[in-house]
Amino acid sequence: MLKTGSTVKLITFNGEALSSEDCEPEENYWLLIGELATVLESETIYGRVLVEFDVLVKSKGLYCHNEIPNTLLILESDLLIV
C-alpha cells in the first residue's frame, strides 16, 4: 500500500503501456508514463490514489479537472515507489 508523501513513478496508465489509436489528445494520459509524482491521499477511491505530478499536466495538453492543480486519480497498480 502506498503512503501519503511517497514519491512514485507512473509506469502504466489504466494497466496499459500504450494508448489506443482512437484516444483523444486531451485524454492521452499515457504521455505521463515515466513522470514522478507525490501521493497526496493514500486511501484508494475505486482502486485509485490521488497523486500530484512534478510535471505540469496541462503543459502536455491533458485535462486536469481536480480541485487541486496538477493532480490525478491513478490506479495504485500503475505506480512504482521510487
N, C-alpha and C. Protein backbone atom coordinates (compact mmCIF):
# COMPACT_ATOMS: atom_id res chain seq x y z
N MET A 1 0.84 -1.18 0.00
CA MET A 1 0.00 0.00 0.00
C MET A 1 0.88 1.25 0.00
N LEU A 2 0.47 2.22 -0.79
CA LEU A 2 1.20 3.48 -0.86
C LEU A 2 0.89 4.35 0.34
N LYS A 3 1.86 5.14 0.75
CA LYS A 3 1.68 6.05 1.88
C LYS A 3 1.64 7.48 1.38
N THR A 4 0.88 8.32 2.07
CA THR A 4 0.85 9.74 1.76
C THR A 4 2.27 10.29 1.84
N GLY A 5 2.66 11.06 0.85
CA GLY A 5 4.00 11.63 0.80
C GLY A 5 5.00 10.81 0.01
N SER A 6 4.64 9.58 -0.35
CA SER A 6 5.55 8.73 -1.13
C SER A 6 5.78 9.32 -2.52
N THR A 7 7.01 9.21 -2.99
CA THR A 7 7.32 9.58 -4.37
C THR A 7 7.13 8.34 -5.23
N VAL A 8 6.40 8.52 -6.32
CA VAL A 8 6.08 7.39 -7.20
C VAL A 8 6.36 7.78 -8.66
N LYS A 9 6.48 6.77 -9.49
CA LYS A 9 6.63 6.97 -10.93
C LYS A 9 5.48 6.26 -11.62
N LEU A 10 4.89 6.92 -12.60
CA LEU A 10 3.83 6.30 -13.39
C LEU A 10 4.47 5.32 -14.36
N ILE A 11 4.09 4.04 -14.27
CA ILE A 11 4.69 3.02 -15.14
C ILE A 11 3.72 2.53 -16.21
N THR A 12 2.43 2.68 -15.95
CA THR A 12 1.38 2.38 -16.93
C THR A 12 0.22 3.31 -16.61
N PHE A 13 -0.77 3.35 -17.49
CA PHE A 13 -1.99 4.11 -17.20
C PHE A 13 -3.17 3.19 -17.48
N ASN A 14 -4.02 3.02 -16.48
CA ASN A 14 -5.13 2.07 -16.56
C ASN A 14 -4.66 0.67 -16.96
N GLY A 15 -3.46 0.32 -16.47
CA GLY A 15 -2.92 -1.01 -16.70
C GLY A 15 -2.30 -1.22 -18.07
N GLU A 16 -2.23 -0.19 -18.88
CA GLU A 16 -1.71 -0.31 -20.24
C GLU A 16 -0.48 0.58 -20.42
N ALA A 17 0.46 0.13 -21.25
CA ALA A 17 1.67 0.92 -21.51
C ALA A 17 1.48 1.90 -22.66
N LEU A 18 0.52 1.62 -23.54
CA LEU A 18 0.28 2.48 -24.70
C LEU A 18 -1.19 2.85 -24.79
N SER A 19 -1.44 4.05 -25.31
CA SER A 19 -2.83 4.48 -25.51
C SER A 19 -3.41 3.81 -26.74
N SER A 20 -4.73 3.81 -26.83
CA SER A 20 -5.38 3.27 -28.02
C SER A 20 -5.26 4.29 -29.15
N GLU A 21 -5.42 3.84 -30.37
CA GLU A 21 -5.29 4.72 -31.52
C GLU A 21 -6.37 5.80 -31.56
N ASP A 22 -7.53 5.52 -30.98
CA ASP A 22 -8.62 6.49 -31.02
C ASP A 22 -8.69 7.37 -29.78
N CYS A 23 -7.62 7.42 -29.02
CA CYS A 23 -7.56 8.23 -27.80
C CYS A 23 -7.51 9.72 -28.16
N GLU A 24 -8.37 10.50 -27.52
CA GLU A 24 -8.36 11.94 -27.72
C GLU A 24 -7.06 12.51 -27.14
N PRO A 25 -6.44 13.49 -27.81
CA PRO A 25 -5.17 14.05 -27.32
C PRO A 25 -5.25 14.57 -25.89
N GLU A 26 -6.39 15.15 -25.50
CA GLU A 26 -6.53 15.71 -24.15
C GLU A 26 -6.69 14.63 -23.09
N GLU A 27 -6.89 13.39 -23.52
CA GLU A 27 -7.06 12.27 -22.60
C GLU A 27 -5.93 11.25 -22.71
N ASN A 28 -4.86 11.62 -23.39
CA ASN A 28 -3.74 10.71 -23.58
C ASN A 28 -2.79 10.77 -22.38
N TYR A 29 -3.28 10.28 -21.25
CA TYR A 29 -2.51 10.32 -20.00
C TYR A 29 -1.29 9.40 -20.04
N TRP A 30 -1.19 8.60 -21.08
CA TRP A 30 -0.01 7.76 -21.26
C TRP A 30 1.23 8.61 -21.48
N LEU A 31 1.03 9.89 -21.87
CA LEU A 31 2.17 10.81 -22.01
C LEU A 31 2.87 11.05 -20.69
N LEU A 32 2.21 10.73 -19.58
CA LEU A 32 2.79 10.93 -18.26
C LEU A 32 3.61 9.73 -17.77
N ILE A 33 3.62 8.64 -18.54
CA ILE A 33 4.40 7.47 -18.13
C ILE A 33 5.87 7.86 -18.02
N GLY A 34 6.46 7.49 -16.89
CA GLY A 34 7.85 7.82 -16.59
C GLY A 34 7.99 9.06 -15.72
N GLU A 35 6.90 9.81 -15.56
CA GLU A 35 6.94 11.02 -14.75
C GLU A 35 6.81 10.69 -13.26
N LEU A 36 7.41 11.54 -12.43
CA LEU A 36 7.34 11.37 -10.98
C LEU A 36 6.16 12.16 -10.41
N ALA A 37 5.66 11.67 -9.29
CA ALA A 37 4.54 12.31 -8.60
C ALA A 37 4.65 12.02 -7.11
N THR A 38 3.86 12.76 -6.33
CA THR A 38 3.79 12.56 -4.89
C THR A 38 2.38 12.13 -4.53
N VAL A 39 2.27 11.11 -3.70
CA VAL A 39 0.96 10.64 -3.25
C VAL A 39 0.40 11.65 -2.24
N LEU A 40 -0.78 12.20 -2.55
CA LEU A 40 -1.41 13.16 -1.65
C LEU A 40 -2.43 12.49 -0.74
N GLU A 41 -3.12 11.50 -1.28
CA GLU A 41 -4.11 10.74 -0.49
C GLU A 41 -3.88 9.27 -0.78
N SER A 42 -3.52 8.54 0.26
CA SER A 42 -3.19 7.13 0.06
C SER A 42 -4.41 6.21 0.11
N GLU A 43 -5.53 6.70 0.63
CA GLU A 43 -6.74 5.87 0.62
C GLU A 43 -7.25 5.76 -0.80
N THR A 44 -7.52 4.55 -1.21
CA THR A 44 -7.95 4.36 -2.59
C THR A 44 -9.41 4.71 -2.78
N ILE A 45 -9.69 5.26 -3.93
CA ILE A 45 -11.04 5.54 -4.38
C ILE A 45 -11.19 4.74 -5.66
N TYR A 46 -11.96 3.65 -5.59
CA TYR A 46 -12.10 2.73 -6.73
C TYR A 46 -10.73 2.22 -7.19
N GLY A 47 -9.84 1.94 -6.23
CA GLY A 47 -8.51 1.42 -6.55
C GLY A 47 -7.52 2.49 -6.98
N ARG A 48 -7.91 3.73 -6.89
CA ARG A 48 -7.06 4.84 -7.33
C ARG A 48 -6.62 5.69 -6.14
N VAL A 49 -5.44 6.29 -6.29
CA VAL A 49 -4.92 7.21 -5.28
C VAL A 49 -4.72 8.57 -5.94
N LEU A 50 -4.81 9.62 -5.14
CA LEU A 50 -4.61 10.97 -5.65
C LEU A 50 -3.12 11.29 -5.62
N VAL A 51 -2.58 11.62 -6.79
CA VAL A 51 -1.16 11.97 -6.88
C VAL A 51 -1.01 13.33 -7.54
N GLU A 52 0.04 14.04 -7.12
CA GLU A 52 0.38 15.33 -7.71
C GLU A 52 1.66 15.14 -8.52
N PHE A 53 1.57 15.40 -9.81
CA PHE A 53 2.72 15.20 -10.69
C PHE A 53 3.71 16.34 -10.58
N ASP A 54 5.01 16.02 -10.74
CA ASP A 54 6.06 17.03 -10.75
C ASP A 54 5.98 17.88 -12.02
N VAL A 55 5.63 17.24 -13.13
CA VAL A 55 5.48 17.93 -14.41
C VAL A 55 4.07 18.54 -14.46
N LEU A 56 3.92 19.67 -15.13
CA LEU A 56 2.61 20.28 -15.27
C LEU A 56 1.76 19.46 -16.24
N VAL A 57 0.69 18.89 -15.74
CA VAL A 57 -0.17 18.02 -16.54
C VAL A 57 -0.74 18.78 -17.73
N LYS A 58 -1.20 20.00 -17.50
CA LYS A 58 -1.80 20.79 -18.57
C LYS A 58 -0.77 21.19 -19.63
N SER A 59 0.51 21.23 -19.27
CA SER A 59 1.55 21.58 -20.25
C SER A 59 1.68 20.51 -21.32
N LYS A 60 1.18 19.32 -21.04
CA LYS A 60 1.19 18.23 -22.00
C LYS A 60 -0.12 18.19 -22.79
N GLY A 61 -0.98 19.21 -22.57
CA GLY A 61 -2.24 19.30 -23.30
C GLY A 61 -3.33 18.40 -22.74
N LEU A 62 -3.18 17.95 -21.49
CA LEU A 62 -4.10 16.99 -20.89
C LEU A 62 -5.12 17.68 -20.00
N TYR A 63 -6.31 17.09 -19.92
CA TYR A 63 -7.31 17.57 -18.98
C TYR A 63 -6.84 17.32 -17.55
N CYS A 64 -7.16 18.24 -16.67
CA CYS A 64 -6.86 18.08 -15.25
C CYS A 64 -7.99 18.77 -14.49
N HIS A 65 -9.02 18.00 -14.10
CA HIS A 65 -10.26 18.55 -13.56
C HIS A 65 -10.32 18.62 -12.04
N ASN A 66 -9.33 18.10 -11.34
CA ASN A 66 -9.40 18.05 -9.88
C ASN A 66 -9.27 19.44 -9.27
N GLU A 67 -9.80 19.59 -8.05
CA GLU A 67 -9.72 20.87 -7.35
C GLU A 67 -8.27 21.26 -7.08
N ILE A 68 -7.44 20.29 -6.76
CA ILE A 68 -6.02 20.55 -6.52
C ILE A 68 -5.31 20.50 -7.88
N PRO A 69 -4.67 21.60 -8.28
CA PRO A 69 -3.99 21.62 -9.59
C PRO A 69 -2.95 20.52 -9.71
N ASN A 70 -2.80 20.03 -10.93
CA ASN A 70 -1.74 19.07 -11.28
C ASN A 70 -1.89 17.71 -10.62
N THR A 71 -3.13 17.36 -10.23
CA THR A 71 -3.36 16.06 -9.60
C THR A 71 -4.29 15.20 -10.45
N LEU A 72 -4.09 13.91 -10.33
CA LEU A 72 -4.96 12.93 -10.99
C LEU A 72 -5.17 11.75 -10.06
N LEU A 73 -6.29 11.08 -10.23
CA LEU A 73 -6.53 9.81 -9.54
C LEU A 73 -5.97 8.71 -10.43
N ILE A 74 -5.01 7.98 -9.91
CA ILE A 74 -4.29 6.97 -10.67
C ILE A 74 -4.43 5.62 -9.97
N LEU A 75 -4.60 4.56 -10.77
CA LEU A 75 -4.64 3.22 -10.19
C LEU A 75 -3.35 2.96 -9.42
N GLU A 76 -3.48 2.43 -8.24
CA GLU A 76 -2.31 2.12 -7.43
C GLU A 76 -1.37 1.18 -8.17
N SER A 77 -1.93 0.27 -8.95
CA SER A 77 -1.11 -0.70 -9.69
C SER A 77 -0.32 -0.06 -10.84
N ASP A 78 -0.65 1.17 -11.21
CA ASP A 78 0.07 1.90 -12.26
C ASP A 78 1.28 2.65 -11.72
N LEU A 79 1.49 2.60 -10.42
CA LEU A 79 2.53 3.39 -9.78
C LEU A 79 3.63 2.52 -9.18
N LEU A 80 4.84 3.01 -9.25
CA LEU A 80 6.01 2.35 -8.67
C LEU A 80 6.62 3.31 -7.66
N ILE A 81 6.85 2.84 -6.44
CA ILE A 81 7.50 3.68 -5.43
C ILE A 81 8.97 3.83 -5.80
N VAL A 82 9.45 5.08 -5.75
CA VAL A 82 10.87 5.33 -6.07
C VAL A 82 11.61 5.87 -4.87
